[in-house]
Amino acid sequence: MTFELRSATMVLEREVRYLINTGKIKGRLAELGLTQKDVSKALGIAQPTANQKINNNRPMDLSEAEKLGVLLKLSPNDFETYFFYNHVAQSNGKEDS
């Protein structure tokens, strides 16, 4: 892998990390009575890793986001607000609070 490709990958990982709406995910987990242990089982990862992904400390890939969307019983429209909210806000020139 070239230096440029590695750098682009690291930048992409940082950008993906911040597309997750942590507050909405945590709220939906509470609404459904689910825990991070439930998330870790659904994603097939360790509980501390699930915690890091939910809290934007580690990137979440699309496959994991889709599995979490199923666990959270999200509609396709809701999926976008939980996992791509910053992208939409930036394209409108607005910050999401």
PDB file of N, CA and C in Angstrom:
ATOM      1  N   MET A   1       0.858  -1.172   0.000  1.00  0.00           N
ATOM      2  CA  MET A   1       0.000   0.000   0.000  1.00  0.00           C
ATOM      3  C   MET A   1       0.901   1.230   0.000  1.00  0.00           C
ATOM      4  N   THR A   2       0.604   2.184  -0.851  1.00  0.00           N
ATOM      5  CA  THR A   2       1.419   3.389  -0.929  1.00  0.00           C
ATOM      6  C   THR A   2       1.078   4.326   0.218  1.00  0.00           C
ATOM      7  N   PHE A   3       1.980   5.260   0.473  1.00  0.00           N
ATOM      8  CA  PHE A   3       1.770   6.239   1.532  1.00  0.00           C
ATOM      9  C   PHE A   3       0.494   7.041   1.284  1.00  0.00           C
ATOM     10  N   GLU A   4       0.273   7.459   0.026  1.00  0.00           N
ATOM     11  CA  GLU A   4      -0.909   8.255  -0.300  1.00  0.00           C
ATOM     12  C   GLU A   4      -2.192   7.478  -0.029  1.00  0.00           C
ATOM     13  N   LEU A   5      -2.201   6.211  -0.407  1.00  0.00           N
ATOM     14  CA  LEU A   5      -3.383   5.390  -0.193  1.00  0.00           C
ATOM     15  C   LEU A   5      -3.634   5.192   1.294  1.00  0.00           C
ATOM     16  N   ARG A   6      -2.560   4.935   2.061  1.00  0.00           N
ATOM     17  CA  ARG A   6      -2.706   4.778   3.506  1.00  0.00           C
ATOM     18  C   ARG A   6      -3.244   6.058   4.118  1.00  0.00           C
ATOM     19  N   SER A   7      -2.740   7.200   3.709  1.00  0.00           N
ATOM     20  CA  SER A   7      -3.209   8.484   4.237  1.00  0.00           C
ATOM     21  C   SER A   7      -4.672   8.697   3.901  1.00  0.00           C
ATOM     22  N   ALA A   8      -5.062   8.391   2.678  1.00  0.00           N
ATOM     23  CA  ALA A   8      -6.464   8.537   2.275  1.00  0.00           C
ATOM     24  C   ALA A   8      -7.357   7.622   3.095  1.00  0.00           C
ATOM     25  N   THR A   9      -6.885   6.412   3.372  1.00  0.00           N
ATOM     26  CA  THR A   9      -7.661   5.472   4.175  1.00  0.00           C
ATOM     27  C   THR A   9      -7.840   6.000   5.591  1.00  0.00           C
ATOM     28  N   MET A  10      -6.777   6.547   6.178  1.00  0.00           N
ATOM     29  CA  MET A  10      -6.875   7.085   7.529  1.00  0.00           C
ATOM     30  C   MET A  10      -7.832   8.271   7.572  1.00  0.00           C
ATOM     31  N   VAL A  11      -7.801   9.131   6.567  1.00  0.00           N
ATOM     32  CA  VAL A  11      -8.715  10.265   6.516  1.00  0.00           C
ATOM     33  C   VAL A  11     -10.143   9.762   6.383  1.00  0.00           C
ATOM     34  N   LEU A  12     -10.367   8.799   5.513  1.00  0.00           N
ATOM     35  CA  LEU A  12     -11.704   8.241   5.327  1.00  0.00           C
ATOM     36  C   LEU A  12     -12.219   7.651   6.628  1.00  0.00           C
ATOM     37  N   GLU A  13     -11.376   6.909   7.350  1.00  0.00           N
ATOM     38  CA  GLU A  13     -11.803   6.331   8.621  1.00  0.00           C
ATOM     39  C   GLU A  13     -12.207   7.421   9.603  1.00  0.00           C
ATOM     40  N   ARG A  14     -11.458   8.518   9.648  1.00  0.00           N
ATOM     41  CA  ARG A  14     -11.811   9.610  10.544  1.00  0.00           C
ATOM     42  C   ARG A  14     -13.143  10.219  10.137  1.00  0.00           C
ATOM     43  N   GLU A  15     -13.373  10.376   8.852  1.00  0.00           N
ATOM     44  CA  GLU A  15     -14.624  10.970   8.385  1.00  0.00           C
ATOM     45  C   GLU A  15     -15.809  10.059   8.677  1.00  0.00           C
ATOM     46  N   VAL A  16     -15.663   8.767   8.453  1.00  0.00           N
ATOM     47  CA  VAL A  16     -16.748   7.825   8.704  1.00  0.00           C
ATOM     48  C   VAL A  16     -17.110   7.819  10.178  1.00  0.00           C
ATOM     49  N   ARG A  17     -16.111   7.890  11.015  1.00  0.00           N
ATOM     50  CA  ARG A  17     -16.322   7.841  12.456  1.00  0.00           C
ATOM     51  C   ARG A  17     -17.329   8.899  12.899  1.00  0.00           C
ATOM     52  N   TYR A  18     -17.258  10.086  12.329  1.00  0.00           N
ATOM     53  CA  TYR A  18     -18.097  11.180  12.785  1.00  0.00           C
ATOM     54  C   TYR A  18     -19.454  11.241  12.093  1.00  0.00           C
ATOM     55  N   LEU A  19     -19.770  10.257  11.305  1.00  0.00           N
ATOM     56  CA  LEU A  19     -21.084  10.203  10.669  1.00  0.00           C
ATOM     57  C   LEU A  19     -22.119   9.515  11.551  1.00  0.00           C
ATOM     58  N   ILE A  20     -21.687   8.956  12.659  1.00  0.00           N
ATOM     59  CA  ILE A  20     -22.592   8.222  13.544  1.00  0.00           C
ATOM     60  C   ILE A  20     -23.218   9.194  14.539  1.00  0.00           C
ATOM     61  N   ASN A  21     -24.545   9.180  14.644  1.00  0.00           N
ATOM     62  CA  ASN A  21     -25.241  10.044  15.588  1.00  0.00           C
ATOM     63  C   ASN A  21     -25.362   9.293  16.909  1.00  0.00           C
ATOM     64  N   THR A  22     -24.350   9.452  17.744  1.00  0.00           N
ATOM     65  CA  THR A  22     -24.258   8.733  19.010  1.00  0.00           C
ATOM     66  C   THR A  22     -25.479   8.939  19.890  1.00  0.00           C
ATOM     67  N   GLY A  23     -25.930  10.168  19.997  1.00  0.00           N
ATOM     68  CA  GLY A  23     -27.086  10.468  20.857  1.00  0.00           C
ATOM     69  C   GLY A  23     -28.339   9.727  20.427  1.00  0.00           C
ATOM     70  N   LYS A  24     -28.597   9.698  19.124  1.00  0.00           N
ATOM     71  CA  LYS A  24     -29.781   8.998  18.627  1.00  0.00           C
ATOM     72  C   LYS A  24     -29.668   7.495  18.848  1.00  0.00           C
ATOM     73  N   ILE A  25     -28.465   6.948  18.634  1.00  0.00           N
ATOM     74  CA  ILE A  25     -28.274   5.506  18.827  1.00  0.00           C
ATOM     75  C   ILE A  25     -28.486   5.140  20.294  1.00  0.00           C
ATOM     76  N   LYS A  26     -27.888   5.898  21.193  1.00  0.00           N
ATOM     77  CA  LYS A  26     -28.054   5.616  22.626  1.00  0.00           C
ATOM     78  C   LYS A  26     -29.506   5.775  23.055  1.00  0.00           C
ATOM     79  N   GLY A  27     -30.181   6.789  22.517  1.00  0.00           N
ATOM     80  CA  GLY A  27     -31.591   6.993  22.843  1.00  0.00           C
ATOM     81  C   GLY A  27     -32.454   5.841  22.365  1.00  0.00           C
ATOM     82  N   ARG A  28     -32.187   5.363  21.151  1.00  0.00           N
ATOM     83  CA  ARG A  28     -32.962   4.249  20.596  1.00  0.00           C
ATOM     84  C   ARG A  28     -32.692   2.960  21.371  1.00  0.00           C
ATOM     85  N   LEU A  29     -31.442   2.744  21.769  1.00  0.00           N
ATOM     86  CA  LEU A  29     -31.124   1.576  22.600  1.00  0.00           C
ATOM     87  C   LEU A  29     -31.947   1.612  23.887  1.00  0.00           C
ATOM     88  N   ALA A  30     -31.987   2.761  24.542  1.00  0.00           N
ATOM     89  CA  ALA A  30     -32.755   2.905  25.790  1.00  0.00           C
ATOM     90  C   ALA A  30     -34.249   2.700  25.533  1.00  0.00           C
ATOM     91  N   GLU A  31     -34.733   3.278  24.438  1.00  0.00           N
ATOM     92  CA  GLU A  31     -36.147   3.158  24.071  1.00  0.00           C
ATOM     93  C   GLU A  31     -36.565   1.694  23.914  1.00  0.00           C
ATOM     94  N   LEU A  32     -35.672   0.886  23.345  1.00  0.00           N
ATOM     95  CA  LEU A  32     -35.972  -0.529  23.105  1.00  0.00           C
ATOM     96  C   LEU A  32     -35.527  -1.429  24.256  1.00  0.00           C
ATOM     97  N   GLY A  33     -34.929  -0.848  25.293  1.00  0.00           N
ATOM     98  CA  GLY A  33     -34.464  -1.640  26.435  1.00  0.00           C
ATOM     99  C   GLY A  33     -33.256  -2.500  26.098  1.00  0.00           C
ATOM    100  N   LEU A  34     -32.438  -2.047  25.147  1.00  0.00           N
ATOM    101  CA  LEU A  34     -31.259  -2.792  24.726  1.00  0.00           C
ATOM    102  C   LEU A  34     -30.010  -2.229  25.395  1.00  0.00           C
ATOM    103  N   THR A  35     -28.986  -3.051  25.487  1.00  0.00           N
ATOM    104  CA  THR A  35     -27.725  -2.652  26.098  1.00  0.00           C
ATOM    105  C   THR A  35     -26.593  -2.755  25.077  1.00  0.00           C
ATOM    106  N   GLN A  36     -25.431  -2.267  25.474  1.00  0.00           N
ATOM    107  CA  GLN A  36     -24.265  -2.412  24.611  1.00  0.00           C
ATOM    108  C   GLN A  36     -23.864  -3.879  24.477  1.00  0.00           C
ATOM    109  N   LYS A  37     -24.233  -4.688  25.446  1.00  0.00           N
ATOM    110  CA  LYS A  37     -23.994  -6.131  25.337  1.00  0.00           C
ATOM    111  C   LYS A  37     -24.826  -6.694  24.177  1.00  0.00           C
ATOM    112  N   ASP A  38     -26.054  -6.226  24.035  1.00  0.00           N
ATOM    113  CA  ASP A  38     -26.899  -6.648  22.906  1.00  0.00           C
ATOM    114  C   ASP A  38     -26.271  -6.214  21.577  1.00  0.00           C
ATOM    115  N   VAL A  39     -25.724  -5.004  21.556  1.00  0.00           N
ATOM    116  CA  VAL A  39     -25.056  -4.495  20.350  1.00  0.00           C
ATOM    117  C   VAL A  39     -23.857  -5.370  20.015  1.00  0.00           C
ATOM    118  N   SER A  40     -23.050  -5.698  21.025  1.00  0.00           N
ATOM    119  CA  SER A  40     -21.852  -6.503  20.777  1.00  0.00           C
ATOM    120  C   SER A  40     -22.218  -7.876  20.219  1.00  0.00           C
ATOM    121  N   LYS A  41     -23.296  -8.469  20.728  1.00  0.00           N
ATOM    122  CA  LYS A  41     -23.738  -9.765  20.202  1.00  0.00           C
ATOM    123  C   LYS A  41     -24.214  -9.642  18.757  1.00  0.00           C
ATOM    124  N   ALA A  42     -24.978  -8.592  18.461  1.00  0.00           N
ATOM    125  CA  ALA A  42     -25.507  -8.397  17.103  1.00  0.00           C
ATOM    126  C   ALA A  42     -24.387  -8.163  16.100  1.00  0.00           C
ATOM    127  N   LEU A  43     -23.330  -7.458  16.531  1.00  0.00           N
ATOM    128  CA  LEU A  43     -22.227  -7.143  15.625  1.00  0.00           C
ATOM    129  C   LEU A  43     -21.140  -8.207  15.640  1.00  0.00           C
ATOM    130  N   GLY A  44     -21.192  -9.120  16.610  1.00  0.00           N
ATOM    131  CA  GLY A  44     -20.174 -10.163  16.708  1.00  0.00           C
ATOM    132  C   GLY A  44     -18.814  -9.618  17.136  1.00  0.00           C
ATOM    133  N   ILE A  45     -18.846  -8.626  18.030  1.00  0.00           N
ATOM    134  CA  ILE A  45     -17.612  -8.011  18.519  1.00  0.00           C
ATOM    135  C   ILE A  45     -17.649  -7.963  20.047  1.00  0.00           C
ATOM    136  N   ALA A  46     -16.513  -7.663  20.649  1.00  0.00           N
ATOM    137  CA  ALA A  46     -16.441  -7.553  22.101  1.00  0.00           C
ATOM    138  C   ALA A  46     -17.217  -6.326  22.583  1.00  0.00           C
ATOM    139  N   GLN A  47     -17.731  -6.392  23.803  1.00  0.00           N
ATOM    140  CA  GLN A  47     -18.511  -5.290  24.348  1.00  0.00           C
ATOM    141  C   GLN A  47     -17.726  -3.979  24.408  1.00  0.00           C
ATOM    142  N   PRO A  48     -16.450  -3.982  24.838  1.00  0.00           N
ATOM    143  CA  PRO A  48     -15.707  -2.711  24.822  1.00  0.00           C
ATOM    144  C   PRO A  48     -15.567  -2.121  23.412  1.00  0.00           C
ATOM    145  N   THR A  49     -15.441  -2.982  22.412  1.00  0.00           N
ATOM    146  CA  THR A  49     -15.342  -2.510  21.024  1.00  0.00           C
ATOM    147  C   THR A  49     -16.669  -1.892  20.587  1.00  0.00           C
ATOM    148  N   ALA A  50     -17.777  -2.504  20.963  1.00  0.00           N
ATOM    149  CA  ALA A  50     -19.098  -1.947  20.647  1.00  0.00           C
ATOM    150  C   ALA A  50     -19.248  -0.572  21.289  1.00  0.00           C
ATOM    151  N   ASN A  51     -18.812  -0.450  22.531  1.00  0.00           N
ATOM    152  CA  ASN A  51     -18.865   0.827  23.229  1.00  0.00           C
ATOM    153  C   ASN A  51     -18.061   1.881  22.472  1.00  0.00           C
ATOM    154  N   GLN A  52     -16.878   1.524  22.036  1.00  0.00           N
ATOM    155  CA  GLN A  52     -16.016   2.471  21.313  1.00  0.00           C
ATOM    156  C   GLN A  52     -16.637   2.889  19.988  1.00  0.00           C
ATOM    157  N   LYS A  53     -17.280   1.961  19.314  1.00  0.00           N
ATOM    158  CA  LYS A  53     -17.910   2.288  18.034  1.00  0.00           C
ATOM    159  C   LYS A  53     -19.117   3.203  18.239  1.00  0.00           C
ATOM    160  N   ILE A  54     -19.942   2.917  19.225  1.00  0.00           N
ATOM    161  CA  ILE A  54     -21.113   3.748  19.508  1.00  0.00           C
ATOM    162  C   ILE A  54     -20.691   5.150  19.925  1.00  0.00           C
ATOM    163  N   ASN A  55     -19.581   5.247  20.640  1.00  0.00           N
ATOM    164  CA  ASN A  55     -19.105   6.542  21.139  1.00  0.00           C
ATOM    165  C   ASN A  55     -18.139   7.247  20.194  1.00  0.00           C
ATOM    166  N   ASN A  56     -18.077   6.788  18.952  1.00  0.00           N
ATOM    167  CA  ASN A  56     -17.242   7.421  17.921  1.00  0.00           C
ATOM    168  C   ASN A  56     -15.746   7.384  18.221  1.00  0.00           C
ATOM    169  N   ASN A  57     -15.293   6.419  18.992  1.00  0.00           N
ATOM    170  CA  ASN A  57     -13.865   6.269  19.246  1.00  0.00           C
ATOM    171  C   ASN A  57     -13.209   5.301  18.267  1.00  0.00           C
ATOM    172  N   ARG A  58     -14.027   4.519  17.585  1.00  0.00           N
ATOM    173  CA  ARG A  58     -13.580   3.593  16.537  1.00  0.00           C
ATOM    174  C   ARG A  58     -14.552   3.702  15.383  1.00  0.00           C
ATOM    175  N   PRO A  59     -14.073   3.578  14.156  1.00  0.00           N
ATOM    176  CA  PRO A  59     -14.994   3.646  13.020  1.00  0.00           C
ATOM    177  C   PRO A  59     -15.911   2.423  12.955  1.00  0.00           C
ATOM    178  N   MET A  60     -17.095   2.638  12.437  1.00  0.00           N
ATOM    179  CA  MET A  60     -18.059   1.560  12.223  1.00  0.00           C
ATOM    180  C   MET A  60     -18.208   1.393  10.721  1.00  0.00           C
ATOM    181  N   ASP A  61     -18.039   0.166  10.235  1.00  0.00           N
ATOM    182  CA  ASP A  61     -18.190  -0.027   8.793  1.00  0.00           C
ATOM    183  C   ASP A  61     -19.666  -0.190   8.437  1.00  0.00           C
ATOM    184  N   LEU A  62     -19.960  -0.169   7.159  1.00  0.00           N
ATOM    185  CA  LEU A  62     -21.341  -0.220   6.690  1.00  0.00           C
ATOM    186  C   LEU A  62     -22.040  -1.502   7.114  1.00  0.00           C
ATOM    187  N   SER A  63     -21.347  -2.616   7.078  1.00  0.00           N
ATOM    188  CA  SER A  63     -21.938  -3.885   7.492  1.00  0.00           C
ATOM    189  C   SER A  63     -22.376  -3.828   8.955  1.00  0.00           C
ATOM    190  N   GLU A  64     -21.522  -3.263   9.797  1.00  0.00           N
ATOM    191  CA  GLU A  64     -21.872  -3.131  11.217  1.00  0.00           C
ATOM    192  C   GLU A  64     -23.038  -2.170  11.403  1.00  0.00           C
ATOM    193  N   ALA A  65     -23.033  -1.076  10.656  1.00  0.00           N
ATOM    194  CA  ALA A  65     -24.130  -0.105  10.744  1.00  0.00           C
ATOM    195  C   ALA A  65     -25.453  -0.762  10.323  1.00  0.00           C
ATOM    196  N   GLU A  66     -25.417  -1.578   9.286  1.00  0.00           N
ATOM    197  CA  GLU A  66     -26.632  -2.264   8.843  1.00  0.00           C
ATOM    198  C   GLU A  66     -27.134  -3.241   9.906  1.00  0.00           C
ATOM    199  N   LYS A  67     -26.225  -3.986  10.527  1.00  0.00           N
ATOM    200  CA  LYS A  67     -26.617  -4.916  11.601  1.00  0.00           C
ATOM    201  C   LYS A  67     -27.207  -4.154  12.774  1.00  0.00           C
ATOM    202  N   LEU A  68     -26.595  -3.033  13.120  1.00  0.00           N
ATOM    203  CA  LEU A  68     -27.113  -2.225  14.222  1.00  0.00           C
ATOM    204  C   LEU A  68     -28.471  -1.641  13.854  1.00  0.00           C
ATOM    205  N   GLY A  69     -28.638  -1.248  12.610  1.00  0.00           N
ATOM    206  CA  GLY A  69     -29.930  -0.743  12.154  1.00  0.00           C
ATOM    207  C   GLY A  69     -31.036  -1.780  12.299  1.00  0.00           C
ATOM    208  N   VAL A  70     -30.718  -3.027  12.010  1.00  0.00           N
ATOM    209  CA  VAL A  70     -31.691  -4.115  12.190  1.00  0.00           C
ATOM    210  C   VAL A  70     -32.025  -4.277  13.669  1.00  0.00           C
ATOM    211  N   LEU A  71     -30.998  -4.286  14.518  1.00  0.00           N
ATOM    212  CA  LEU A  71     -31.211  -4.412  15.960  1.00  0.00           C
ATOM    213  C   LEU A  71     -32.087  -3.276  16.484  1.00  0.00           C
ATOM    214  N   LEU A  72     -31.858  -2.065  15.970  1.00  0.00           N
ATOM    215  CA  LEU A  72     -32.616  -0.896  16.416  1.00  0.00           C
ATOM    216  C   LEU A  72     -33.956  -0.749  15.707  1.00  0.00           C
ATOM    217  N   LYS A  73     -34.245  -1.667  14.769  1.00  0.00           N
ATOM    218  CA  LYS A  73     -35.516  -1.665  14.028  1.00  0.00           C
ATOM    219  C   LYS A  73     -35.733  -0.339  13.294  1.00  0.00           C
ATOM    220  N   LEU A  74     -34.683   0.094  12.588  1.00  0.00           N
ATOM    221  CA  LEU A  74     -34.742   1.366  11.874  1.00  0.00           C
ATOM    222  C   LEU A  74     -35.309   1.189  10.470  1.00  0.00           C
ATOM    223  N   SER A  75     -36.107   2.141  10.041  1.00  0.00           N
ATOM    224  CA  SER A  75     -36.565   2.178   8.653  1.00  0.00           C
ATOM    225  C   SER A  75     -35.408   2.706   7.803  1.00  0.00           C
ATOM    226  N   PRO A  76     -35.463   2.501   6.485  1.00  0.00           N
ATOM    227  CA  PRO A  76     -34.400   3.053   5.631  1.00  0.00           C
ATOM    228  C   PRO A  76     -34.220   4.567   5.800  1.00  0.00           C
ATOM    229  N   ASN A  77     -35.314   5.299   5.968  1.00  0.00           N
ATOM    230  CA  ASN A  77     -35.215   6.750   6.170  1.00  0.00           C
ATOM    231  C   ASN A  77     -34.554   7.081   7.503  1.00  0.00           C
ATOM    232  N   ASP A  78     -34.897   6.329   8.549  1.00  0.00           N
ATOM    233  CA  ASP A  78     -34.288   6.549   9.860  1.00  0.00           C
ATOM    234  C   ASP A  78     -32.811   6.207   9.843  1.00  0.00           C
ATOM    235  N   PHE A  79     -32.439   5.186   9.085  1.00  0.00           N
ATOM    236  CA  PHE A  79     -31.041   4.761   9.018  1.00  0.00           C
ATOM    237  C   PHE A  79     -30.142   5.946   8.679  1.00  0.00           C
ATOM    238  N   GLU A  80     -30.568   6.750   7.744  1.00  0.00           N
ATOM    239  CA  GLU A  80     -29.765   7.906   7.318  1.00  0.00           C
ATOM    240  C   GLU A  80     -29.555   8.896   8.457  1.00  0.00           C
ATOM    241  N   THR A  81     -30.564   9.130   9.276  1.00  0.00           N
ATOM    242  CA  THR A  81     -30.422  10.101  10.361  1.00  0.00           C
ATOM    243  C   THR A  81     -29.569   9.562  11.508  1.00  0.00           C
ATOM    244  N   TYR A  82     -29.471   8.255  11.641  1.00  0.00           N
ATOM    245  CA  TYR A  82     -28.664   7.659  12.694  1.00  0.00           C
ATOM    246  C   TYR A  82     -27.196   7.512  12.283  1.00  0.00           C
ATOM    247  N   PHE A  83     -26.956   7.302  11.008  1.00  0.00           N
ATOM    248  CA  PHE A  83     -25.604   6.978  10.564  1.00  0.00           C
ATOM    249  C   PHE A  83     -24.975   7.967   9.594  1.00  0.00           C
ATOM    250  N   PHE A  84     -25.730   8.871   9.015  1.00  0.00           N
ATOM    251  CA  PHE A  84     -25.160   9.808   8.059  1.00  0.00           C
ATOM    252  C   PHE A  84     -25.603  11.234   8.329  1.00  0.00           C
ATOM    253  N   TYR A  85     -25.905  11.564   9.560  1.00  0.00           N
ATOM    254  CA  TYR A  85     -26.478  12.870   9.886  1.00  0.00           C
ATOM    255  C   TYR A  85     -25.540  14.036   9.612  1.00  0.00           C
ATOM    256  N   ASN A  86     -24.243  13.930   9.895  1.00  0.00           N
ATOM    257  CA  ASN A  86     -23.302  15.030   9.662  1.00  0.00           C
ATOM    258  C   ASN A  86     -23.153  15.322   8.177  1.00  0.00           C
ATOM    259  N   HIS A  87     -23.132  14.279   7.369  1.00  0.00           N
ATOM    260  CA  HIS A  87     -22.990  14.459   5.924  1.00  0.00           C
ATOM    261  C   HIS A  87     -24.141  15.301   5.389  1.00  0.00           C
ATOM    262  N   VAL A  88     -25.349  15.008   5.814  1.00  0.00           N
ATOM    263  CA  VAL A  88     -26.522  15.748   5.362  1.00  0.00           C
ATOM    264  C   VAL A  88     -26.449  17.179   5.867  1.00  0.00           C
ATOM    265  N   ALA A  89     -26.082  17.368   7.139  1.00  0.00           N
ATOM    266  CA  ALA A  89     -26.013  18.715   7.713  1.00  0.00           C
ATOM    267  C   ALA A  89     -24.956  19.545   6.980  1.00  0.00           C
ATOM    268  N   GLN A  90     -23.815  18.967   6.669  1.00  0.00           N
ATOM    269  CA  GLN A  90     -22.759  19.706   5.984  1.00  0.00           C
ATOM    270  C   GLN A  90     -23.181  20.083   4.567  1.00  0.00           C
ATOM    271  N   SER A  91     -23.887  19.200   3.895  1.00  0.00           N
ATOM    272  CA  SER A  91     -24.290  19.504   2.521  1.00  0.00           C
ATOM    273  C   SER A  91     -25.306  20.637   2.482  1.00  0.00           C
ATOM    274  N   ASN A  92     -26.029  20.856   3.593  1.00  0.00           N
ATOM    275  CA  ASN A  92     -26.959  21.971   3.678  1.00  0.00           C
ATOM    276  C   ASN A  92     -26.304  23.215   4.240  1.00  0.00           C
ATOM    277  N   GLY A  93     -25.009  23.101   4.609  1.00  0.00           N
ATOM    278  CA  GLY A  93     -24.298  24.229   5.167  1.00  0.00           C
ATOM    279  C   GLY A  93     -24.654  24.528   6.605  1.00  0.00           C
ATOM    280  N   LYS A  94     -25.266  23.557   7.302  1.00  0.00           N
ATOM    281  CA  LYS A  94     -25.702  23.743   8.674  1.00  0.00           C
ATOM    282  C   LYS A  94     -24.967  22.756   9.576  1.00  0.00           C
ATOM    283  N   GLU A  95     -24.783  23.126  10.800  1.00  0.00           N
ATOM    284  CA  GLU A  95     -24.218  22.226  11.807  1.00  0.00           C
ATOM    285  C   GLU A  95     -25.359  21.499  12.490  1.00  0.00           C
ATOM    286  N   ASP A  96     -25.182  20.231  12.790  1.00  0.00           N
ATOM    287  CA  ASP A  96     -26.175  19.465  13.532  1.00  0.00           C
ATOM    288  C   ASP A  96     -25.858  19.586  15.001  1.00  0.00           C
ATOM    289  N   SER A  97     -26.833  19.921  15.818  1.00  0.00           N
ATOM    290  CA  SER A  97     -26.572  20.081  17.252  1.00  0.00           C
ATOM    291  C   SER A  97     -27.095  18.951  18.069  1.00  0.00           C
TER     292      SER A  97
END
